[in-house]
């Protein structure tokens, strides 16, 4: 044990004065003392630091120490790497998120290694910017954003953006249902969802559309057709249901009853 400690101490002293060309090899060291010594090496620069931050096994205390070096935090790519690192202390990561560019926030929101809270905060940072974004950026986000961002763009519109967001592979049924629960959703956006080839076939989405006050009347027959009896009965119990929807539900239930009655 004493021999190992002596070896680590010697390696740390060597790291403090190591030549620039040997630093990349030292970045792989499993000794925190060696890594800390590198921080004070005059040859250790921003490029070395970004290489180090690619290691996902760095401990939080070491990352916290990096965050205390204001000269390093002045570099955007260092702030980005720290914000995206899975072991950066929570409060520091949250603060760094506020300084990131839009598409970098999107990338962090999609990183599997990011904590759920960090991904959610990155999503929220993007969503708050939606009203100020030009159409081109909204379309890019609609294609590449996370499930929450895609759902937010469906709600925010315009129709062109909503159509693209509905094709986003990250968009989930759960997130789209949250969007459809918004009574303020415009009739045009509801119509876009109701006409979408994929989403209009899912039972829960169809039910959510039929519940919505802005459901397009011309789509009601297709949305009602083939719904499970229980879902139709639950919809009919709602006090606020468009009369067009109520009428079609009753007709569909009556047709089901006739189909299930035994022939005499």
C-alpha atoms as a PDB file:
ATOM      1  CA  UNK A   1       0.000   0.000   0.000  1.00  0.00           C
ATOM      2  CA  UNK A   2       2.813   2.398   0.928  1.00  0.00           C
ATOM      3  CA  UNK A   3       4.594   1.528  -2.299  1.00  0.00           C
ATOM      4  CA  UNK A   4       1.465   2.334  -4.344  1.00  0.00           C
ATOM      5  CA  UNK A   5       0.979   5.685  -2.585  1.00  0.00           C
ATOM      6  CA  UNK A   6       4.622   6.522  -3.227  1.00  0.00           C
ATOM      7  CA  UNK A   7       4.201   5.607  -6.907  1.00  0.00           C
ATOM      8  CA  UNK A   8       1.039   7.759  -7.237  1.00  0.00           C
ATOM      9  CA  UNK A   9       2.775  10.698  -5.598  1.00  0.00           C
ATOM     10  CA  UNK A  10       5.698  10.366  -7.982  1.00  0.00           C
ATOM     11  CA  UNK A  11       3.340  10.169 -10.990  1.00  0.00           C
ATOM     12  CA  UNK A  12       1.502  13.277  -9.791  1.00  0.00           C
ATOM     13  CA  UNK A  13       4.754  15.229  -9.518  1.00  0.00           C
ATOM     14  CA  UNK A  14       5.732  14.109 -12.997  1.00  0.00           C
ATOM     15  CA  UNK A  15       2.324  15.149 -14.373  1.00  0.00           C
ATOM     16  CA  UNK A  16       2.809  18.658 -12.985  1.00  0.00           C
ATOM     17  CA  UNK A  17       5.764  19.242 -15.292  1.00  0.00           C
ATOM     18  CA  UNK A  18       5.026  16.818 -18.121  1.00  0.00           C
ATOM     19  CA  UNK A  19       5.712  17.965 -21.686  1.00  0.00           C
ATOM     20  CA  UNK A  20       2.688  18.888 -23.833  1.00  0.00           C
ATOM     21  CA  UNK A  21       3.113  15.886 -26.128  1.00  0.00           C
ATOM     22  CA  UNK A  22       2.886  13.446 -23.195  1.00  0.00           C
ATOM     23  CA  UNK A  23      -0.254  14.964 -21.652  1.00  0.00           C
ATOM     24  CA  UNK A  24      -2.797  13.080 -23.859  1.00  0.00           C
ATOM     25  CA  UNK A  25      -1.469   9.791 -22.501  1.00  0.00           C
ATOM     26  CA  UNK A  26      -1.704  11.025 -18.905  1.00  0.00           C
ATOM     27  CA  UNK A  27      -5.373  11.955 -19.413  1.00  0.00           C
ATOM     28  CA  UNK A  28      -6.190   8.230 -19.250  1.00  0.00           C
ATOM     29  CA  UNK A  29      -4.761   7.920 -15.740  1.00  0.00           C
ATOM     30  CA  UNK A  30      -6.989   6.371 -13.101  1.00  0.00           C
ATOM     31  CA  UNK A  31      -5.359   8.508 -10.404  1.00  0.00           C
ATOM     32  CA  UNK A  32      -7.208  11.684  -9.423  1.00  0.00           C
ATOM     33  CA  UNK A  33      -3.952  13.066  -8.039  1.00  0.00           C
ATOM     34  CA  UNK A  34      -2.324  12.771 -11.448  1.00  0.00           C
ATOM     35  CA  UNK A  35      -5.274  14.504 -13.116  1.00  0.00           C
ATOM     36  CA  UNK A  36      -5.277  17.308 -10.542  1.00  0.00           C
ATOM     37  CA  UNK A  37      -1.552  17.818 -11.067  1.00  0.00           C
ATOM     38  CA  UNK A  38      -2.175  18.185 -14.769  1.00  0.00           C
ATOM     39  CA  UNK A  39      -4.499  21.111 -14.060  1.00  0.00           C
ATOM     40  CA  UNK A  40      -1.520  23.102 -12.764  1.00  0.00           C
ATOM     41  CA  UNK A  41       0.776  22.096 -15.588  1.00  0.00           C
ATOM     42  CA  UNK A  42       1.538  25.220 -17.713  1.00  0.00           C
ATOM     43  CA  UNK A  43       1.334  23.060 -20.854  1.00  0.00           C
ATOM     44  CA  UNK A  44      -2.184  21.804 -20.002  1.00  0.00           C
ATOM     45  CA  UNK A  45      -4.576  23.723 -22.264  1.00  0.00           C
ATOM     46  CA  UNK A  46      -8.215  23.904 -23.288  1.00  0.00           C
ATOM     47  CA  UNK A  47      -7.828  21.151 -25.879  1.00  0.00           C
ATOM     48  CA  UNK A  48      -6.418  18.796 -23.248  1.00  0.00           C
ATOM     49  CA  UNK A  49      -9.287  19.662 -20.936  1.00  0.00           C
ATOM     50  CA  UNK A  50     -11.921  18.894 -23.576  1.00  0.00           C
ATOM     51  CA  UNK A  51     -10.237  15.551 -24.244  1.00  0.00           C
ATOM     52  CA  UNK A  52     -10.354  14.803 -20.528  1.00  0.00           C
ATOM     53  CA  UNK A  53     -14.037  15.711 -20.319  1.00  0.00           C
ATOM     54  CA  UNK A  54     -14.821  13.011 -22.873  1.00  0.00           C
ATOM     55  CA  UNK A  55     -14.175  10.500 -20.091  1.00  0.00           C
ATOM     56  CA  UNK A  56     -17.535   9.597 -18.571  1.00  0.00           C
ATOM     57  CA  UNK A  57     -15.950   8.084 -15.461  1.00  0.00           C
ATOM     58  CA  UNK A  58     -14.659  11.377 -14.033  1.00  0.00           C
ATOM     59  CA  UNK A  59     -15.862  11.896 -10.443  1.00  0.00           C
ATOM     60  CA  UNK A  60     -18.074  14.823  -9.494  1.00  0.00           C
ATOM     61  CA  UNK A  61     -15.462  16.368  -7.185  1.00  0.00           C
ATOM     62  CA  UNK A  62     -12.956  16.584 -10.024  1.00  0.00           C
ATOM     63  CA  UNK A  63     -15.546  18.186 -12.291  1.00  0.00           C
ATOM     64  CA  UNK A  64     -16.445  20.641  -9.546  1.00  0.00           C
ATOM     65  CA  UNK A  65     -12.794  21.620  -9.319  1.00  0.00           C
ATOM     66  CA  UNK A  66     -12.709  22.243 -13.059  1.00  0.00           C
ATOM     67  CA  UNK A  67     -15.761  24.474 -12.743  1.00  0.00           C
ATOM     68  CA  UNK A  68     -13.914  26.687 -10.261  1.00  0.00           C
ATOM     69  CA  UNK A  69     -11.335  27.638 -12.908  1.00  0.00           C
ATOM     70  CA  UNK A  70     -12.905  30.738 -14.452  1.00  0.00           C
ATOM     71  CA  UNK A  71     -10.366  30.912 -17.258  1.00  0.00           C
ATOM     72  CA  UNK A  72     -11.493  27.482 -18.460  1.00  0.00           C
ATOM     73  CA  UNK A  73     -15.202  28.283 -18.128  1.00  0.00           C
ATOM     74  CA  UNK A  74     -14.708  31.245 -20.440  1.00  0.00           C
ATOM     75  CA  UNK A  75     -14.530  28.749 -23.328  1.00  0.00           C
ATOM     76  CA  UNK A  76     -17.951  27.734 -24.671  1.00  0.00           C
ATOM     77  CA  UNK A  77     -16.873  24.201 -25.593  1.00  0.00           C
ATOM     78  CA  UNK A  78     -15.723  23.606 -22.012  1.00  0.00           C
ATOM     79  CA  UNK A  79     -19.081  24.779 -20.637  1.00  0.00           C
ATOM     80  CA  UNK A  80     -20.857  22.533 -23.128  1.00  0.00           C
ATOM     81  CA  UNK A  81     -18.759  19.493 -22.204  1.00  0.00           C
ATOM     82  CA  UNK A  82     -19.366  20.088 -18.501  1.00  0.00           C
ATOM     83  CA  UNK A  83     -23.106  20.566 -18.958  1.00  0.00           C
ATOM     84  CA  UNK A  84     -23.311  17.308 -20.901  1.00  0.00           C
ATOM     85  CA  UNK A  85     -21.177  15.278 -18.489  1.00  0.00           C
ATOM     86  CA  UNK A  86     -23.241  12.781 -16.461  1.00  0.00           C
ATOM     87  CA  UNK A  87     -21.279  13.448 -13.226  1.00  0.00           C
ATOM     88  CA  UNK A  88     -21.272  17.241 -13.221  1.00  0.00           C
ATOM     89  CA  UNK A  89     -22.925  18.369  -9.968  1.00  0.00           C
ATOM     90  CA  UNK A  90     -26.617  19.098 -10.515  1.00  0.00           C
ATOM     91  CA  UNK A  91     -26.668  22.787  -9.626  1.00  0.00           C
ATOM     92  CA  UNK A  92     -23.617  23.518 -11.765  1.00  0.00           C
ATOM     93  CA  UNK A  93     -25.104  21.676 -14.751  1.00  0.00           C
ATOM     94  CA  UNK A  94     -28.366  23.594 -14.377  1.00  0.00           C
ATOM     95  CA  UNK A  95     -26.504  26.901 -14.374  1.00  0.00           C
ATOM     96  CA  UNK A  96     -24.467  25.949 -17.433  1.00  0.00           C
ATOM     97  CA  UNK A  97     -27.613  24.994 -19.367  1.00  0.00           C
ATOM     98  CA  UNK A  98     -28.704  28.632 -19.356  1.00  0.00           C
ATOM     99  CA  UNK A  99     -25.650  29.549 -21.414  1.00  0.00           C
ATOM    100  CA  UNK A 100     -25.943  26.938 -24.159  1.00  0.00           C
ATOM    101  CA  UNK A 101     -27.000  27.415 -27.770  1.00  0.00           C
ATOM    102  CA  UNK A 102     -30.342  26.066 -28.946  1.00  0.00           C
ATOM    103  CA  UNK A 103     -29.159  22.960 -30.811  1.00  0.00           C
ATOM    104  CA  UNK A 104     -26.716  22.072 -28.038  1.00  0.00           C
ATOM    105  CA  UNK A 105     -29.667  22.052 -25.647  1.00  0.00           C
ATOM    106  CA  UNK A 106     -31.418  19.678 -28.030  1.00  0.00           C
ATOM    107  CA  UNK A 107     -28.401  17.370 -28.096  1.00  0.00           C
ATOM    108  CA  UNK A 108     -28.245  17.281 -24.301  1.00  0.00           C
ATOM    109  CA  UNK A 109     -31.970  16.540 -24.090  1.00  0.00           C
ATOM    110  CA  UNK A 110     -31.354  13.439 -26.223  1.00  0.00           C
ATOM    111  CA  UNK A 111     -28.232  12.161 -24.447  1.00  0.00           C
ATOM    112  CA  UNK A 112     -28.972   8.813 -22.738  1.00  0.00           C
ATOM    113  CA  UNK A 113     -26.238   9.571 -20.200  1.00  0.00           C
ATOM    114  CA  UNK A 114     -27.912  12.820 -19.084  1.00  0.00           C
ATOM    115  CA  UNK A 115     -30.119  12.641 -16.011  1.00  0.00           C
ATOM    116  CA  UNK A 116     -33.866  12.809 -16.522  1.00  0.00           C
ATOM    117  CA  UNK A 117     -33.959  16.157 -14.724  1.00  0.00           C
ATOM    118  CA  UNK A 118     -31.239  17.625 -16.940  1.00  0.00           C
ATOM    119  CA  UNK A 119     -32.996  16.447 -20.106  1.00  0.00           C
ATOM    120  CA  UNK A 120     -36.238  17.968 -18.871  1.00  0.00           C
ATOM    121  CA  UNK A 121     -34.568  21.296 -18.093  1.00  0.00           C
ATOM    122  CA  UNK A 122     -32.900  21.335 -21.522  1.00  0.00           C
ATOM    123  CA  UNK A 123     -36.308  20.704 -23.120  1.00  0.00           C
ATOM    124  CA  UNK A 124     -37.858  23.545 -21.138  1.00  0.00           C
ATOM    125  CA  UNK A 125     -35.084  25.934 -22.178  1.00  0.00           C
ATOM    126  CA  UNK A 126     -35.851  25.119 -25.812  1.00  0.00           C
ATOM    127  CA  UNK A 127     -39.634  25.357 -25.401  1.00  0.00           C
ATOM    128  CA  UNK A 128     -39.450  28.830 -23.838  1.00  0.00           C
ATOM    129  CA  UNK A 129     -37.631  30.052 -26.950  1.00  0.00           C
ATOM    130  CA  UNK A 130     -40.188  28.765 -29.476  1.00  0.00           C
ATOM    131  CA  UNK A 131     -42.162  32.038 -29.884  1.00  0.00           C
ATOM    132  CA  UNK A 132     -39.013  33.931 -30.945  1.00  0.00           C
ATOM    133  CA  UNK A 133     -37.648  31.338 -33.367  1.00  0.00           C
ATOM    134  CA  UNK A 134     -37.813  31.753 -37.167  1.00  0.00           C
ATOM    135  CA  UNK A 135     -39.668  29.131 -39.205  1.00  0.00           C
ATOM    136  CA  UNK A 136     -36.469  27.430 -40.386  1.00  0.00           C
ATOM    137  CA  UNK A 137     -35.279  26.738 -36.851  1.00  0.00           C
ATOM    138  CA  UNK A 138     -38.702  25.459 -35.818  1.00  0.00           C
ATOM    139  CA  UNK A 139     -38.666  23.011 -38.715  1.00  0.00           C
ATOM    140  CA  UNK A 140     -35.191  21.804 -37.712  1.00  0.00           C
ATOM    141  CA  UNK A 141     -36.360  21.306 -34.127  1.00  0.00           C
ATOM    142  CA  UNK A 142     -39.487  19.528 -35.354  1.00  0.00           C
ATOM    143  CA  UNK A 143     -37.292  16.985 -37.151  1.00  0.00           C
ATOM    144  CA  UNK A 144     -34.555  16.558 -34.546  1.00  0.00           C
ATOM    145  CA  UNK A 145     -36.023  17.512 -31.164  1.00  0.00           C
ATOM    146  CA  UNK A 146     -36.926  15.245 -28.272  1.00  0.00           C
ATOM    147  CA  UNK A 147     -40.436  13.941 -27.617  1.00  0.00           C
ATOM    148  CA  UNK A 148     -41.325  16.932 -25.417  1.00  0.00           C
ATOM    149  CA  UNK A 149     -39.955  19.410 -27.934  1.00  0.00           C
ATOM    150  CA  UNK A 150     -41.808  17.730 -30.810  1.00  0.00           C
ATOM    151  CA  UNK A 151     -45.062  17.749 -28.824  1.00  0.00           C
ATOM    152  CA  UNK A 152     -44.500  21.405 -27.939  1.00  0.00           C
ATOM    153  CA  UNK A 153     -44.063  22.238 -31.605  1.00  0.00           C
ATOM    154  CA  UNK A 154     -47.277  20.418 -32.494  1.00  0.00           C
ATOM    155  CA  UNK A 155     -49.079  22.625 -29.997  1.00  0.00           C
ATOM    156  CA  UNK A 156     -47.265  25.804 -30.985  1.00  0.00           C
ATOM    157  CA  UNK A 157     -47.588  25.356 -34.733  1.00  0.00           C
ATOM    158  CA  UNK A 158     -47.907  26.590 -37.393  1.00  0.00           C
ATOM    159  CA  UNK A 159     -49.420  23.699 -39.359  1.00  0.00           C
ATOM    160  CA  UNK A 160     -46.290  23.191 -41.479  1.00  0.00           C
ATOM    161  CA  UNK A 161     -44.204  22.714 -38.339  1.00  0.00           C
ATOM    162  CA  UNK A 162     -46.830  20.526 -36.662  1.00  0.00           C
ATOM    163  CA  UNK A 163     -46.866  18.123 -39.618  1.00  0.00           C
ATOM    164  CA  UNK A 164     -43.100  17.707 -39.470  1.00  0.00           C
ATOM    165  CA  UNK A 165     -43.152  17.286 -35.667  1.00  0.00           C
ATOM    166  CA  UNK A 166     -45.778  14.543 -35.952  1.00  0.00           C
ATOM    167  CA  UNK A 167     -43.316  12.584 -38.110  1.00  0.00           C
ATOM    168  CA  UNK A 168     -40.540  12.967 -35.514  1.00  0.00           C
ATOM    169  CA  UNK A 169     -39.384   9.479 -34.508  1.00  0.00           C
ATOM    170  CA  UNK A 170     -38.909  10.587 -30.886  1.00  0.00           C
ATOM    171  CA  UNK A 171     -42.519  11.754 -30.459  1.00  0.00           C
ATOM    172  CA  UNK A 172     -44.438   9.440 -28.148  1.00  0.00           C
ATOM    173  CA  UNK A 173     -48.126   8.763 -27.730  1.00  0.00           C
ATOM    174  CA  UNK A 174     -47.940   9.982 -24.114  1.00  0.00           C
ATOM    175  CA  UNK A 175     -46.508  13.359 -25.119  1.00  0.00           C
ATOM    176  CA  UNK A 176     -49.010  13.807 -27.940  1.00  0.00           C
ATOM    177  CA  UNK A 177     -51.878  13.000 -25.561  1.00  0.00           C
ATOM    178  CA  UNK A 178     -50.661  15.793 -23.262  1.00  0.00           C
ATOM    179  CA  UNK A 179     -50.802  18.177 -26.212  1.00  0.00           C
ATOM    180  CA  UNK A 180     -54.308  17.062 -27.207  1.00  0.00           C
ATOM    181  CA  UNK A 181     -55.487  17.632 -23.632  1.00  0.00           C
ATOM    182  CA  UNK A 182     -54.975  21.374 -24.144  1.00  0.00           C
ATOM    183  CA  UNK A 183     -58.348  22.939 -24.800  1.00  0.00           C
ATOM    184  CA  UNK A 184     -56.651  25.989 -26.321  1.00  0.00           C
ATOM    185  CA  UNK A 185     -55.274  23.936 -29.214  1.00  0.00           C
ATOM    186  CA  UNK A 186     -56.341  25.521 -32.513  1.00  0.00           C
ATOM    187  CA  UNK A 187     -58.769  23.780 -34.861  1.00  0.00           C
ATOM    188  CA  UNK A 188     -56.117  23.677 -37.590  1.00  0.00           C
ATOM    189  CA  UNK A 189     -53.630  21.836 -35.390  1.00  0.00           C
ATOM    190  CA  UNK A 190     -56.289  19.376 -34.193  1.00  0.00           C
ATOM    191  CA  UNK A 191     -57.170  18.743 -37.826  1.00  0.00           C
ATOM    192  CA  UNK A 192     -53.516  18.052 -38.689  1.00  0.00           C
ATOM    193  CA  UNK A 193     -53.347  15.383 -35.975  1.00  0.00           C
ATOM    194  CA  UNK A 194     -56.717  13.927 -36.957  1.00  0.00           C
ATOM    195  CA  UNK A 195     -55.515  13.493 -40.559  1.00  0.00           C
ATOM    196  CA  UNK A 196     -52.085  12.066 -39.719  1.00  0.00           C
ATOM    197  CA  UNK A 197     -51.703   8.556 -41.118  1.00  0.00           C
ATOM    198  CA  UNK A 198     -49.975   7.109 -38.058  1.00  0.00           C
ATOM    199  CA  UNK A 199     -51.514   8.910 -35.092  1.00  0.00           C
ATOM    200  CA  UNK A 200     -55.167   8.863 -36.180  1.00  0.00           C
ATOM    201  CA  UNK A 201     -55.128   5.049 -36.042  1.00  0.00           C
ATOM    202  CA  UNK A 202     -54.262   4.790 -32.335  1.00  0.00           C
ATOM    203  CA  UNK A 203     -57.269   4.305 -30.072  1.00  0.00           C
ATOM    204  CA  UNK A 204     -56.107   6.648 -27.289  1.00  0.00           C
ATOM    205  CA  UNK A 205     -55.317   9.414 -29.787  1.00  0.00           C
ATOM    206  CA  UNK A 206     -58.695   8.973 -31.485  1.00  0.00           C
ATOM    207  CA  UNK A 207     -60.452   9.235 -28.130  1.00  0.00           C
ATOM    208  CA  UNK A 208     -58.475  12.379 -27.254  1.00  0.00           C
ATOM    209  CA  UNK A 209     -59.372  13.923 -30.614  1.00  0.00           C
ATOM    210  CA  UNK A 210     -63.064  13.129 -30.176  1.00  0.00           C
ATOM    211  CA  UNK A 211     -63.000  14.738 -26.720  1.00  0.00           C
ATOM    212  CA  UNK A 212     -61.483  17.927 -28.104  1.00  0.00           C
ATOM    213  CA  UNK A 213     -63.908  20.803 -28.823  1.00  0.00           C
ATOM    214  CA  UNK A 214     -62.045  21.604 -32.049  1.00  0.00           C
ATOM    215  CA  UNK A 215     -62.266  18.128 -33.593  1.00  0.00           C
ATOM    216  CA  UNK A 216     -63.069  18.566 -37.333  1.00  0.00           C
ATOM    217  CA  UNK A 217     -66.576  17.257 -38.020  1.00  0.00           C
ATOM    218  CA  UNK A 218     -65.566  15.659 -41.331  1.00  0.00           C
ATOM    219  CA  UNK A 219     -63.068  13.420 -39.480  1.00  0.00           C
ATOM    220  CA  UNK A 220     -65.462  12.274 -36.764  1.00  0.00           C
ATOM    221  CA  UNK A 221     -66.916   9.246 -38.644  1.00  0.00           C
ATOM    222  CA  UNK A 222     -63.428   7.825 -39.293  1.00  0.00           C
ATOM    223  CA  UNK A 223     -62.334   8.460 -35.707  1.00  0.00           C
ATOM    224  CA  UNK A 224     -65.431   6.795 -34.265  1.00  0.00           C
ATOM    225  CA  UNK A 225     -65.471   3.770 -36.569  1.00  0.00           C
ATOM    226  CA  UNK A 226     -64.234   0.632 -34.831  1.00  0.00           C
ATOM    227  CA  UNK A 227     -63.661   2.196 -31.416  1.00  0.00           C
ATOM    228  CA  UNK A 228     -63.980  -0.254 -28.501  1.00  0.00           C
ATOM    229  CA  UNK A 229     -67.441  -0.163 -26.965  1.00  0.00           C
ATOM    230  CA  UNK A 230     -66.092   0.847 -23.542  1.00  0.00           C
ATOM    231  CA  UNK A 231     -64.330   3.900 -24.955  1.00  0.00           C
ATOM    232  CA  UNK A 232     -67.486   5.021 -26.768  1.00  0.00           C
ATOM    233  CA  UNK A 233     -69.591   4.613 -23.638  1.00  0.00           C
ATOM    234  CA  UNK A 234     -67.056   6.600 -21.605  1.00  0.00           C
ATOM    235  CA  UNK A 235     -67.111   9.404 -24.174  1.00  0.00           C
ATOM    236  CA  UNK A 236     -70.913   9.557 -24.093  1.00  0.00           C
ATOM    237  CA  UNK A 237     -70.797  10.118 -20.350  1.00  0.00           C
ATOM    238  CA  UNK A 238     -68.921  13.391 -20.847  1.00  0.00           C
ATOM    239  CA  UNK A 239     -71.064  16.487 -20.420  1.00  0.00           C
ATOM    240  CA  UNK A 240     -68.935  18.578 -22.777  1.00  0.00           C
ATOM    241  CA  UNK A 241     -68.863  16.591 -25.968  1.00  0.00           C
ATOM    242  CA  UNK A 242     -69.499  18.032 -29.450  1.00  0.00           C
ATOM    243  CA  UNK A 243     -72.993  17.035 -30.580  1.00  0.00           C
ATOM    244  CA  UNK A 244     -71.626  15.747 -33.889  1.00  0.00           C
ATOM    245  CA  UNK A 245     -69.393  13.362 -31.972  1.00  0.00           C
ATOM    246  CA  UNK A 246     -72.232  12.281 -29.665  1.00  0.00           C
ATOM    247  CA  UNK A 247     -74.502  11.489 -32.611  1.00  0.00           C
ATOM    248  CA  UNK A 248     -71.891   9.386 -34.404  1.00  0.00           C
ATOM    249  CA  UNK A 249     -71.038   7.510 -31.202  1.00  0.00           C
ATOM    250  CA  UNK A 250     -74.699   6.591 -30.687  1.00  0.00           C
ATOM    251  CA  UNK A 251     -74.994   5.423 -34.289  1.00  0.00           C
ATOM    252  CA  UNK A 252     -71.838   3.317 -33.977  1.00  0.00           C
ATOM    253  CA  UNK A 253     -73.024   1.743 -30.729  1.00  0.00           C
ATOM    254  CA  UNK A 254     -76.396   0.986 -32.273  1.00  0.00           C
ATOM    255  CA  UNK A 255     -74.687  -0.651 -35.261  1.00  0.00           C
ATOM    256  CA  UNK A 256     -72.524  -2.752 -32.947  1.00  0.00           C
ATOM    257  CA  UNK A 257     -75.612  -3.862 -31.052  1.00  0.00           C
ATOM    258  CA  UNK A 258     -77.321  -4.976 -34.231  1.00  0.00           C
ATOM    259  CA  UNK A 259     -74.205  -6.867 -35.375  1.00  0.00           C
ATOM    260  CA  UNK A 260     -73.977  -8.746 -32.085  1.00  0.00           C
ATOM    261  CA  UNK A 261     -77.695  -9.670 -31.841  1.00  0.00           C
ATOM    262  CA  UNK A 262     -78.324 -13.338 -32.742  1.00  0.00           C
ATOM    263  CA  UNK A 263     -80.406 -14.015 -35.823  1.00  0.00           C
ATOM    264  CA  UNK A 264     -83.815 -15.536 -35.161  1.00  0.00           C
END
